[in-house]
Amino acid sequence: MAKLKQRRKIIKERPLSTRCLFCDAKKDPDYKDYENLAKYLSDRGRIFSRERSGVCAKHQRKLASEVKRARFLALLPY
């Protein structure tokens, strides 16, 4: 039981990314750059959360819409 609590503590204390990659590059996500968008998808095709991807709120919203657009055009899997 002590190991489980210790494991949870380690997971919670993991440092999160504080810099948005799109803000640093001064560009927005684009559906045409689907290789880059694929980095923000899990192996099941789900979009990573902001905490997992390290993207700011503005770019997370844009990222989600661009992933959905790329899926519609069959550039990314559903």
PDB file of N, CA and C in Angstrom:
ATOM      1  N   MET A   1       0.827  -1.193   0.000  1.00  0.00           N
ATOM      2  CA  MET A   1       0.000   0.000   0.000  1.00  0.00           C
ATOM      3  C   MET A   1       0.867   1.252   0.000  1.00  0.00           C
ATOM      4  N   ALA A   2       2.000   1.189   0.695  1.00  0.00           N
ATOM      5  CA  ALA A   2       2.891   2.350   0.754  1.00  0.00           C
ATOM      6  C   ALA A   2       3.495   2.640  -0.623  1.00  0.00           C
ATOM      7  N   LYS A   3       3.775   1.568  -1.387  1.00  0.00           N
ATOM      8  CA  LYS A   3       4.339   1.778  -2.717  1.00  0.00           C
ATOM      9  C   LYS A   3       3.350   2.477  -3.635  1.00  0.00           C
ATOM     10  N   LEU A   4       2.068   2.129  -3.494  1.00  0.00           N
ATOM     11  CA  LEU A   4       1.057   2.743  -4.324  1.00  0.00           C
ATOM     12  C   LEU A   4       0.946   4.233  -4.044  1.00  0.00           C
ATOM     13  N   LYS A   5       0.937   4.618  -2.774  1.00  0.00           N
ATOM     14  CA  LYS A   5       0.883   6.032  -2.419  1.00  0.00           C
ATOM     15  C   LYS A   5       2.118   6.763  -2.917  1.00  0.00           C
ATOM     16  N   GLN A   6       3.265   6.105  -2.809  1.00  0.00           N
ATOM     17  CA  GLN A   6       4.508   6.721  -3.264  1.00  0.00           C
ATOM     18  C   GLN A   6       4.470   6.900  -4.786  1.00  0.00           C
ATOM     19  N   ARG A   7       3.936   5.922  -5.512  1.00  0.00           N
ATOM     20  CA  ARG A   7       3.855   6.009  -6.962  1.00  0.00           C
ATOM     21  C   ARG A   7       2.926   7.161  -7.374  1.00  0.00           C
ATOM     22  N   ARG A   8       1.786   7.289  -6.702  1.00  0.00           N
ATOM     23  CA  ARG A   8       0.868   8.381  -7.010  1.00  0.00           C
ATOM     24  C   ARG A   8       1.517   9.728  -6.752  1.00  0.00           C
ATOM     25  N   LYS A   9       2.281   9.810  -5.692  1.00  0.00           N
ATOM     26  CA  LYS A   9       2.948  11.067  -5.357  1.00  0.00           C
ATOM     27  C   LYS A   9       3.948  11.437  -6.447  1.00  0.00           C
ATOM     28  N   ILE A  10       4.672  10.469  -6.938  1.00  0.00           N
ATOM     29  CA  ILE A  10       5.661  10.723  -7.990  1.00  0.00           C
ATOM     30  C   ILE A  10       4.961  11.211  -9.262  1.00  0.00           C
ATOM     31  N   ILE A  11       3.851  10.593  -9.614  1.00  0.00           N
ATOM     32  CA  ILE A  11       3.137  10.984 -10.825  1.00  0.00           C
ATOM     33  C   ILE A  11       2.602  12.397 -10.692  1.00  0.00           C
ATOM     34  N   LYS A  12       2.074  12.762  -9.526  1.00  0.00           N
ATOM     35  CA  LYS A  12       1.512  14.088  -9.340  1.00  0.00           C
ATOM     36  C   LYS A  12       2.585  15.170  -9.342  1.00  0.00           C
ATOM     37  N   GLU A  13       3.790  14.837  -8.924  1.00  0.00           N
ATOM     38  CA  GLU A  13       4.846  15.841  -8.828  1.00  0.00           C
ATOM     39  C   GLU A  13       5.653  15.979 -10.104  1.00  0.00           C
ATOM     40  N   ARG A  14       5.245  15.317 -11.171  1.00  0.00           N
ATOM     41  CA  ARG A  14       5.964  15.410 -12.435  1.00  0.00           C
ATOM     42  C   ARG A  14       5.848  16.836 -12.975  1.00  0.00           C
ATOM     43  N   PRO A  15       6.962  17.470 -13.333  1.00  0.00           N
ATOM     44  CA  PRO A  15       6.866  18.847 -13.842  1.00  0.00           C
ATOM     45  C   PRO A  15       6.208  18.876 -15.210  1.00  0.00           C
ATOM     46  N   LEU A  16       5.359  19.856 -15.406  1.00  0.00           N
ATOM     47  CA  LEU A  16       4.672  20.016 -16.672  1.00  0.00           C
ATOM     48  C   LEU A  16       5.408  21.026 -17.542  1.00  0.00           C
ATOM     49  N   SER A  17       5.213  20.929 -18.813  1.00  0.00           N
ATOM     50  CA  SER A  17       5.823  21.874 -19.728  1.00  0.00           C
ATOM     51  C   SER A  17       5.197  23.252 -19.520  1.00  0.00           C
ATOM     52  N   THR A  18       6.012  24.265 -19.388  1.00  0.00           N
ATOM     53  CA  THR A  18       5.489  25.600 -19.127  1.00  0.00           C
ATOM     54  C   THR A  18       5.493  26.473 -20.371  1.00  0.00           C
ATOM     55  N   ARG A  19       6.048  25.970 -21.452  1.00  0.00           N
ATOM     56  CA  ARG A  19       6.141  26.760 -22.673  1.00  0.00           C
ATOM     57  C   ARG A  19       5.327  26.097 -23.772  1.00  0.00           C
ATOM     58  N   CYS A  20       4.534  26.910 -24.439  1.00  0.00           N
ATOM     59  CA  CYS A  20       3.762  26.423 -25.577  1.00  0.00           C
ATOM     60  C   CYS A  20       4.675  26.416 -26.805  1.00  0.00           C
ATOM     61  N   LEU A  21       4.725  25.304 -27.496  1.00  0.00           N
ATOM     62  CA  LEU A  21       5.600  25.193 -28.666  1.00  0.00           C
ATOM     63  C   LEU A  21       5.144  26.093 -29.805  1.00  0.00           C
ATOM     64  N   PHE A  22       3.827  26.295 -29.919  1.00  0.00           N
ATOM     65  CA  PHE A  22       3.322  27.155 -30.985  1.00  0.00           C
ATOM     66  C   PHE A  22       3.606  28.623 -30.678  1.00  0.00           C
ATOM     67  N   CYS A  23       3.541  29.008 -29.392  1.00  0.00           N
ATOM     68  CA  CYS A  23       3.863  30.388 -29.022  1.00  0.00           C
ATOM     69  C   CYS A  23       5.351  30.669 -29.257  1.00  0.00           C
ATOM     70  N   ASP A  24       6.188  29.697 -28.938  1.00  0.00           N
ATOM     71  CA  ASP A  24       7.627  29.873 -29.144  1.00  0.00           C
ATOM     72  C   ASP A  24       7.962  30.017 -30.624  1.00  0.00           C
ATOM     73  N   ALA A  25       7.296  29.251 -31.470  1.00  0.00           N
ATOM     74  CA  ALA A  25       7.551  29.314 -32.910  1.00  0.00           C
ATOM     75  C   ALA A  25       6.799  30.460 -33.580  1.00  0.00           C
ATOM     76  N   LYS A  26       5.875  31.087 -32.843  1.00  0.00           N
ATOM     77  CA  LYS A  26       5.052  32.190 -33.349  1.00  0.00           C
ATOM     78  C   LYS A  26       4.292  31.787 -34.607  1.00  0.00           C
ATOM     79  N   LYS A  27       3.653  30.621 -34.514  1.00  0.00           N
ATOM     80  CA  LYS A  27       2.797  30.155 -35.601  1.00  0.00           C
ATOM     81  C   LYS A  27       1.634  29.376 -34.998  1.00  0.00           C
ATOM     82  N   ASP A  28       0.602  29.190 -35.793  1.00  0.00           N
ATOM     83  CA  ASP A  28      -0.575  28.453 -35.368  1.00  0.00           C
ATOM     84  C   ASP A  28      -0.540  27.046 -35.954  1.00  0.00           C
ATOM     85  N   PRO A  29      -1.234  26.096 -35.321  1.00  0.00           N
ATOM     86  CA  PRO A  29      -1.332  24.766 -35.919  1.00  0.00           C
ATOM     87  C   PRO A  29      -2.079  24.834 -37.248  1.00  0.00           C
ATOM     88  N   ASP A  30      -1.677  23.998 -38.185  1.00  0.00           N
ATOM     89  CA  ASP A  30      -2.290  24.002 -39.505  1.00  0.00           C
ATOM     90  C   ASP A  30      -2.604  22.562 -39.907  1.00  0.00           C
ATOM     91  N   TYR A  31      -3.763  22.339 -40.492  1.00  0.00           N
ATOM     92  CA  TYR A  31      -4.183  20.984 -40.858  1.00  0.00           C
ATOM     93  C   TYR A  31      -3.300  20.396 -41.945  1.00  0.00           C
ATOM     94  N   LYS A  32      -2.642  21.236 -42.737  1.00  0.00           N
ATOM     95  CA  LYS A  32      -1.776  20.734 -43.810  1.00  0.00           C
ATOM     96  C   LYS A  32      -0.494  20.116 -43.266  1.00  0.00           C
ATOM     97  N   ASP A  33      -0.118  20.523 -42.063  1.00  0.00           N
ATOM     98  CA  ASP A  33       1.083  19.980 -41.422  1.00  0.00           C
ATOM     99  C   ASP A  33       0.670  18.825 -40.511  1.00  0.00           C
ATOM    100  N   TYR A  34       0.140  17.764 -41.115  1.00  0.00           N
ATOM    101  CA  TYR A  34      -0.444  16.684 -40.335  1.00  0.00           C
ATOM    102  C   TYR A  34       0.600  15.831 -39.625  1.00  0.00           C
ATOM    103  N   GLU A  35       1.859  15.843 -40.072  1.00  0.00           N
ATOM    104  CA  GLU A  35       2.900  15.114 -39.348  1.00  0.00           C
ATOM    105  C   GLU A  35       3.122  15.737 -37.973  1.00  0.00           C
ATOM    106  N   ASN A  36       3.059  17.066 -37.918  1.00  0.00           N
ATOM    107  CA  ASN A  36       3.218  17.761 -36.646  1.00  0.00           C
ATOM    108  C   ASN A  36       1.987  17.561 -35.762  1.00  0.00           C
ATOM    109  N   LEU A  37       0.809  17.547 -36.350  1.00  0.00           N
ATOM    110  CA  LEU A  37      -0.421  17.340 -35.577  1.00  0.00           C
ATOM    111  C   LEU A  37      -0.483  15.939 -34.985  1.00  0.00           C
ATOM    112  N   ALA A  38       0.120  14.971 -35.655  1.00  0.00           N
ATOM    113  CA  ALA A  38       0.088  13.593 -35.170  1.00  0.00           C
ATOM    114  C   ALA A  38       0.819  13.443 -33.842  1.00  0.00           C
ATOM    115  N   LYS A  39       1.716  14.357 -33.512  1.00  0.00           N
ATOM    116  CA  LYS A  39       2.417  14.310 -32.227  1.00  0.00           C
ATOM    117  C   LYS A  39       1.474  14.560 -31.059  1.00  0.00           C
ATOM    118  N   TYR A  40       0.362  15.217 -31.322  1.00  0.00           N
ATOM    119  CA  TYR A  40      -0.589  15.563 -30.270  1.00  0.00           C
ATOM    120  C   TYR A  40      -1.747  14.577 -30.192  1.00  0.00           C
ATOM    121  N   LEU A  41      -1.608  13.419 -30.841  1.00  0.00           N
ATOM    122  CA  LEU A  41      -2.616  12.368 -30.795  1.00  0.00           C
ATOM    123  C   LEU A  41      -2.046  11.138 -30.113  1.00  0.00           C
ATOM    124  N   SER A  42      -2.904  10.420 -29.391  1.00  0.00           N
ATOM    125  CA  SER A  42      -2.481   9.168 -28.780  1.00  0.00           C
ATOM    126  C   SER A  42      -2.456   8.077 -29.847  1.00  0.00           C
ATOM    127  N   ASP A  43      -2.014   6.901 -29.458  1.00  0.00           N
ATOM    128  CA  ASP A  43      -1.991   5.795 -30.408  1.00  0.00           C
ATOM    129  C   ASP A  43      -3.404   5.360 -30.789  1.00  0.00           C
ATOM    130  N   ARG A  44      -4.386   5.726 -29.980  1.00  0.00           N
ATOM    131  CA  ARG A  44      -5.786   5.424 -30.282  1.00  0.00           C
ATOM    132  C   ARG A  44      -6.448   6.527 -31.109  1.00  0.00           C
ATOM    133  N   GLY A  45      -5.737   7.625 -31.354  1.00  0.00           N
ATOM    134  CA  GLY A  45      -6.276   8.707 -32.168  1.00  0.00           C
ATOM    135  C   GLY A  45      -6.944   9.815 -31.381  1.00  0.00           C
ATOM    136  N   ARG A  46      -6.813   9.783 -30.061  1.00  0.00           N
ATOM    137  CA  ARG A  46      -7.434  10.816 -29.238  1.00  0.00           C
ATOM    138  C   ARG A  46      -6.493  12.003 -29.084  1.00  0.00           C
ATOM    139  N   ILE A  47      -7.047  13.188 -28.999  1.00  0.00           N
ATOM    140  CA  ILE A  47      -6.258  14.406 -28.848  1.00  0.00           C
ATOM    141  C   ILE A  47      -5.810  14.516 -27.402  1.00  0.00           C
ATOM    142  N   PHE A  48      -4.513  14.793 -27.190  1.00  0.00           N
ATOM    143  CA  PHE A  48      -3.992  14.950 -25.835  1.00  0.00           C
ATOM    144  C   PHE A  48      -4.556  16.209 -25.191  1.00  0.00           C
ATOM    145  N   SER A  49      -4.672  16.184 -23.866  1.00  0.00           N
ATOM    146  CA  SER A  49      -5.140  17.347 -23.125  1.00  0.00           C
ATOM    147  C   SER A  49      -4.046  18.406 -23.078  1.00  0.00           C
ATOM    148  N   ARG A  50      -4.396  19.570 -22.596  1.00  0.00           N
ATOM    149  CA  ARG A  50      -3.420  20.660 -22.477  1.00  0.00           C
ATOM    150  C   ARG A  50      -2.288  20.283 -21.548  1.00  0.00           C
ATOM    151  N   GLU A  51      -2.610  19.600 -20.459  1.00  0.00           N
ATOM    152  CA  GLU A  51      -1.579  19.220 -19.498  1.00  0.00           C
ATOM    153  C   GLU A  51      -0.594  18.237 -20.122  1.00  0.00           C
ATOM    154  N   ARG A  52      -1.104  17.357 -20.955  1.00  0.00           N
ATOM    155  CA  ARG A  52      -0.251  16.342 -21.563  1.00  0.00           C
ATOM    156  C   ARG A  52       0.552  16.902 -22.733  1.00  0.00           C
ATOM    157  N   SER A  53      -0.066  17.769 -23.511  1.00  0.00           N
ATOM    158  CA  SER A  53       0.611  18.280 -24.700  1.00  0.00           C
ATOM    159  C   SER A  53       1.488  19.490 -24.414  1.00  0.00           C
ATOM    160  N   GLY A  54       1.193  20.248 -23.341  1.00  0.00           N
ATOM    161  CA  GLY A  54       1.993  21.422 -23.004  1.00  0.00           C
ATOM    162  C   GLY A  54       1.683  22.627 -23.873  1.00  0.00           C
ATOM    163  N   VAL A  55       0.476  22.693 -24.413  1.00  0.00           N
ATOM    164  CA  VAL A  55       0.070  23.780 -25.298  1.00  0.00           C
ATOM    165  C   VAL A  55      -0.823  24.733 -24.514  1.00  0.00           C
ATOM    166  N   CYS A  56      -0.747  26.026 -24.819  1.00  0.00           N
ATOM    167  CA  CYS A  56      -1.593  27.002 -24.123  1.00  0.00           C
ATOM    168  C   CYS A  56      -3.044  26.837 -24.570  1.00  0.00           C
ATOM    169  N   ALA A  57      -3.969  27.486 -23.870  1.00  0.00           N
ATOM    170  CA  ALA A  57      -5.401  27.316 -24.120  1.00  0.00           C
ATOM    171  C   ALA A  57      -5.787  27.781 -25.522  1.00  0.00           C
ATOM    172  N   LYS A  58      -5.233  28.896 -25.942  1.00  0.00           N
ATOM    173  CA  LYS A  58      -5.555  29.433 -27.269  1.00  0.00           C
ATOM    174  C   LYS A  58      -5.159  28.444 -28.365  1.00  0.00           C
ATOM    175  N   HIS A  59      -3.953  27.917 -28.269  1.00  0.00           N
ATOM    176  CA  HIS A  59      -3.478  27.002 -29.298  1.00  0.00           C
ATOM    177  C   HIS A  59      -4.087  25.609 -29.152  1.00  0.00           C
ATOM    178  N   GLN A  60      -4.530  25.233 -27.947  1.00  0.00           N
ATOM    179  CA  GLN A  60      -5.199  23.943 -27.780  1.00  0.00           C
ATOM    180  C   GLN A  60      -6.538  23.936 -28.521  1.00  0.00           C
ATOM    181  N   ARG A  61      -7.270  25.047 -28.437  1.00  0.00           N
ATOM    182  CA  ARG A  61      -8.534  25.147 -29.164  1.00  0.00           C
ATOM    183  C   ARG A  61      -8.294  25.090 -30.669  1.00  0.00           C
ATOM    184  N   LYS A  62      -7.294  25.815 -31.134  1.00  0.00           N
ATOM    185  CA  LYS A  62      -6.950  25.822 -32.556  1.00  0.00           C
ATOM    186  C   LYS A  62      -6.451  24.438 -32.993  1.00  0.00           C
ATOM    187  N   LEU A  63      -5.667  23.799 -32.147  1.00  0.00           N
ATOM    188  CA  LEU A  63      -5.142  22.466 -32.437  1.00  0.00           C
ATOM    189  C   LEU A  63      -6.278  21.454 -32.600  1.00  0.00           C
ATOM    190  N   ALA A  64      -7.264  21.518 -31.713  1.00  0.00           N
ATOM    191  CA  ALA A  64      -8.389  20.580 -31.789  1.00  0.00           C
ATOM    192  C   ALA A  64      -9.165  20.765 -33.084  1.00  0.00           C
ATOM    193  N   SER A  65      -9.420  22.008 -33.466  1.00  0.00           N
ATOM    194  CA  SER A  65     -10.173  22.233 -34.701  1.00  0.00           C
ATOM    195  C   SER A  65      -9.369  21.819 -35.932  1.00  0.00           C
ATOM    196  N   GLU A  66      -8.064  22.034 -35.909  1.00  0.00           N
ATOM    197  CA  GLU A  66      -7.226  21.648 -37.053  1.00  0.00           C
ATOM    198  C   GLU A  66      -7.090  20.126 -37.157  1.00  0.00           C
ATOM    199  N   VAL A  67      -7.044  19.436 -36.018  1.00  0.00           N
ATOM    200  CA  VAL A  67      -7.007  17.969 -36.052  1.00  0.00           C
ATOM    201  C   VAL A  67      -8.306  17.437 -36.632  1.00  0.00           C
ATOM    202  N   LYS A  68      -9.432  18.020 -36.212  1.00  0.00           N
ATOM    203  CA  LYS A  68     -10.723  17.590 -36.745  1.00  0.00           C
ATOM    204  C   LYS A  68     -10.823  17.861 -38.247  1.00  0.00           C
ATOM    205  N   ARG A  69     -10.278  18.974 -38.694  1.00  0.00           N
ATOM    206  CA  ARG A  69     -10.273  19.295 -40.123  1.00  0.00           C
ATOM    207  C   ARG A  69      -9.412  18.296 -40.894  1.00  0.00           C
ATOM    208  N   ALA A  70      -8.243  17.952 -40.340  1.00  0.00           N
ATOM    209  CA  ALA A  70      -7.361  16.973 -41.004  1.00  0.00           C
ATOM    210  C   ALA A  70      -8.000  15.594 -41.017  1.00  0.00           C
ATOM    211  N   ARG A  71      -8.754  15.246 -39.985  1.00  0.00           N
ATOM    212  CA  ARG A  71      -9.465  13.973 -39.980  1.00  0.00           C
ATOM    213  C   ARG A  71     -10.522  13.936 -41.072  1.00  0.00           C
ATOM    214  N   PHE A  72     -11.237  15.038 -41.225  1.00  0.00           N
ATOM    215  CA  PHE A  72     -12.294  15.111 -42.242  1.00  0.00           C
ATOM    216  C   PHE A  72     -11.714  14.916 -43.648  1.00  0.00           C
ATOM    217  N   LEU A  73     -10.515  15.449 -43.872  1.00  0.00           N
ATOM    218  CA  LEU A  73      -9.863  15.308 -45.175  1.00  0.00           C
ATOM    219  C   LEU A  73      -9.068  14.010 -45.290  1.00  0.00           C
ATOM    220  N   ALA A  74      -9.177  13.142 -44.291  1.00  0.00           N
ATOM    221  CA  ALA A  74      -8.515  11.818 -44.257  1.00  0.00           C
ATOM    222  C   ALA A  74      -6.995  11.924 -44.226  1.00  0.00           C
ATOM    223  N   LEU A  75      -6.472  12.998 -43.618  1.00  0.00           N
ATOM    224  CA  LEU A  75      -5.025  13.112 -43.428  1.00  0.00           C
ATOM    225  C   LEU A  75      -4.601  12.466 -42.117  1.00  0.00           C
ATOM    226  N   LEU A  76      -5.531  12.396 -41.147  1.00  0.00           N
ATOM    227  CA  LEU A  76      -5.282  11.766 -39.852  1.00  0.00           C
ATOM    228  C   LEU A  76      -6.398  10.767 -39.567  1.00  0.00           C
ATOM    229  N   PRO A  77      -6.095   9.712 -38.785  1.00  0.00           N
ATOM    230  CA  PRO A  77      -7.138   8.739 -38.471  1.00  0.00           C
ATOM    231  C   PRO A  77      -8.096   9.248 -37.394  1.00  0.00           C
ATOM    232  N   TYR A  78      -9.308   8.691 -37.388  1.00  0.00           N
ATOM    233  CA  TYR A  78     -10.291   9.038 -36.365  1.00  0.00           C
ATOM    234  C   TYR A  78     -10.007   8.318 -35.085  1.00  0.00           C
TER     235      TYR A  78
END
